[in-house]
C-alpha atoms as a PDB file:
ATOM      1  CA  MET A   1       1.112  51.526 -93.557  1.00  0.00           C
ATOM      2  CA  LYS A   2       0.954  47.775 -93.118  1.00  0.00           C
ATOM      3  CA  ASN A   3       0.208  46.210 -89.762  1.00  0.00           C
ATOM      4  CA  LYS A   4       3.381  44.244 -88.981  1.00  0.00           C
ATOM      5  CA  HIS A   5       4.250  42.053 -86.062  1.00  0.00           C
ATOM      6  CA  TYR A   6       6.980  43.216 -83.745  1.00  0.00           C
ATOM      7  CA  PHE A   7       8.891  40.043 -84.592  1.00  0.00           C
ATOM      8  CA  GLU A   8       9.619  39.266 -88.202  1.00  0.00           C
ATOM      9  CA  ASP A   9      10.609  35.705 -87.354  1.00  0.00           C
ATOM     10  CA  LYS A  10       7.874  33.359 -86.130  1.00  0.00           C
ATOM     11  CA  LYS A  11      10.370  31.251 -84.148  1.00  0.00           C
ATOM     12  CA  ALA A  12      11.642  34.288 -82.248  1.00  0.00           C
ATOM     13  CA  TYR A  13       8.078  35.326 -81.441  1.00  0.00           C
ATOM     14  CA  ASP A  14       7.176  31.826 -80.215  1.00  0.00           C
ATOM     15  CA  ALA A  15      10.305  31.686 -78.048  1.00  0.00           C
ATOM     16  CA  TYR A  16       9.467  35.122 -76.605  1.00  0.00           C
ATOM     17  CA  ILE A  17       5.907  34.051 -75.772  1.00  0.00           C
ATOM     18  CA  ARG A  18       7.134  30.767 -74.276  1.00  0.00           C
ATOM     19  CA  LYS A  19       9.669  32.594 -72.093  1.00  0.00           C
ATOM     20  CA  TRP A  20       7.057  34.988 -70.737  1.00  0.00           C
ATOM     21  CA  ARG A  21       4.588  32.152 -70.103  1.00  0.00           C
ATOM     22  CA  ILE A  22       7.240  30.344 -68.034  1.00  0.00           C
ATOM     23  CA  ILE A  23       7.993  33.541 -66.080  1.00  0.00           C
ATOM     24  CA  GLN A  24       4.283  34.209 -65.541  1.00  0.00           C
ATOM     25  CA  SER A  25       3.616  30.643 -64.385  1.00  0.00           C
ATOM     26  CA  THR A  26       6.565  30.783 -61.985  1.00  0.00           C
ATOM     27  CA  CYS A  27       5.324  34.056 -60.479  1.00  0.00           C
ATOM     28  CA  ILE A  28       1.812  32.666 -60.043  1.00  0.00           C
ATOM     29  CA  VAL A  29       3.180  29.571 -58.262  1.00  0.00           C
ATOM     30  CA  ILE A  30       5.338  31.735 -55.970  1.00  0.00           C
ATOM     31  CA  PHE A  31       2.379  33.977 -55.084  1.00  0.00           C
ATOM     32  CA  ILE A  32       0.175  30.934 -54.365  1.00  0.00           C
ATOM     33  CA  VAL A  33       2.847  29.464 -52.061  1.00  0.00           C
ATOM     34  CA  ILE A  34       3.202  32.782 -50.188  1.00  0.00           C
ATOM     35  CA  PHE A  35      -0.578  33.092 -49.897  1.00  0.00           C
ATOM     36  CA  LEU A  36      -0.919  29.551 -48.522  1.00  0.00           C
ATOM     37  CA  PHE A  37       1.892  30.216 -46.049  1.00  0.00           C
ATOM     38  CA  LEU A  38       0.110  33.336 -44.784  1.00  0.00           C
ATOM     39  CA  ILE A  39      -3.140  31.390 -44.437  1.00  0.00           C
ATOM     40  CA  TYR A  40      -1.219  28.758 -42.462  1.00  0.00           C
ATOM     41  CA  LEU A  41       0.198  31.439 -40.144  1.00  0.00           C
ATOM     42  CA  VAL A  42      -3.255  32.888 -39.513  1.00  0.00           C
ATOM     43  CA  TYR A  43      -4.569  29.372 -38.863  1.00  0.00           C
ATOM     44  CA  GLN A  44      -1.831  28.764 -36.299  1.00  0.00           C
ATOM     45  CA  GLU A  45      -2.637  32.085 -34.642  1.00  0.00           C
ATOM     46  CA  VAL A  46      -6.416  31.718 -34.523  1.00  0.00           C
ATOM     47  CA  VAL A  47      -7.054  27.995 -34.160  1.00  0.00           C
ATOM     48  CA  CYS A  48      -4.001  26.768 -32.262  1.00  0.00           C
ATOM     49  CA  ASN A  49      -3.551  29.967 -30.198  1.00  0.00           C
ATOM     50  CA  LYS A  50       0.157  30.114 -30.934  1.00  0.00           C
ATOM     51  CA  PRO A  51       1.671  33.633 -30.996  1.00  0.00           C
ATOM     52  CA  VAL A  52       3.055  33.356 -34.523  1.00  0.00           C
ATOM     53  CA  LEU A  53       2.199  36.802 -35.863  1.00  0.00           C
ATOM     54  CA  ASN A  54       3.848  38.836 -33.102  1.00  0.00           C
ATOM     55  CA  TRP A  55       6.820  39.693 -35.316  1.00  0.00           C
ATOM     56  CA  LEU A  56       4.608  41.495 -37.822  1.00  0.00           C
END
């Protein structure tokens, strides 16, 4: 049995990979933004003594 790619067409495979790279990059950016926002909230709580995290 020959080892075949899932996609017969190279263009379809490249488009599939490109789509998933865009989705992966978008998710990474969203997670970084959420992480930075949480760090900012902790900074406000600890350094500035503002009761920001009471709603958690």
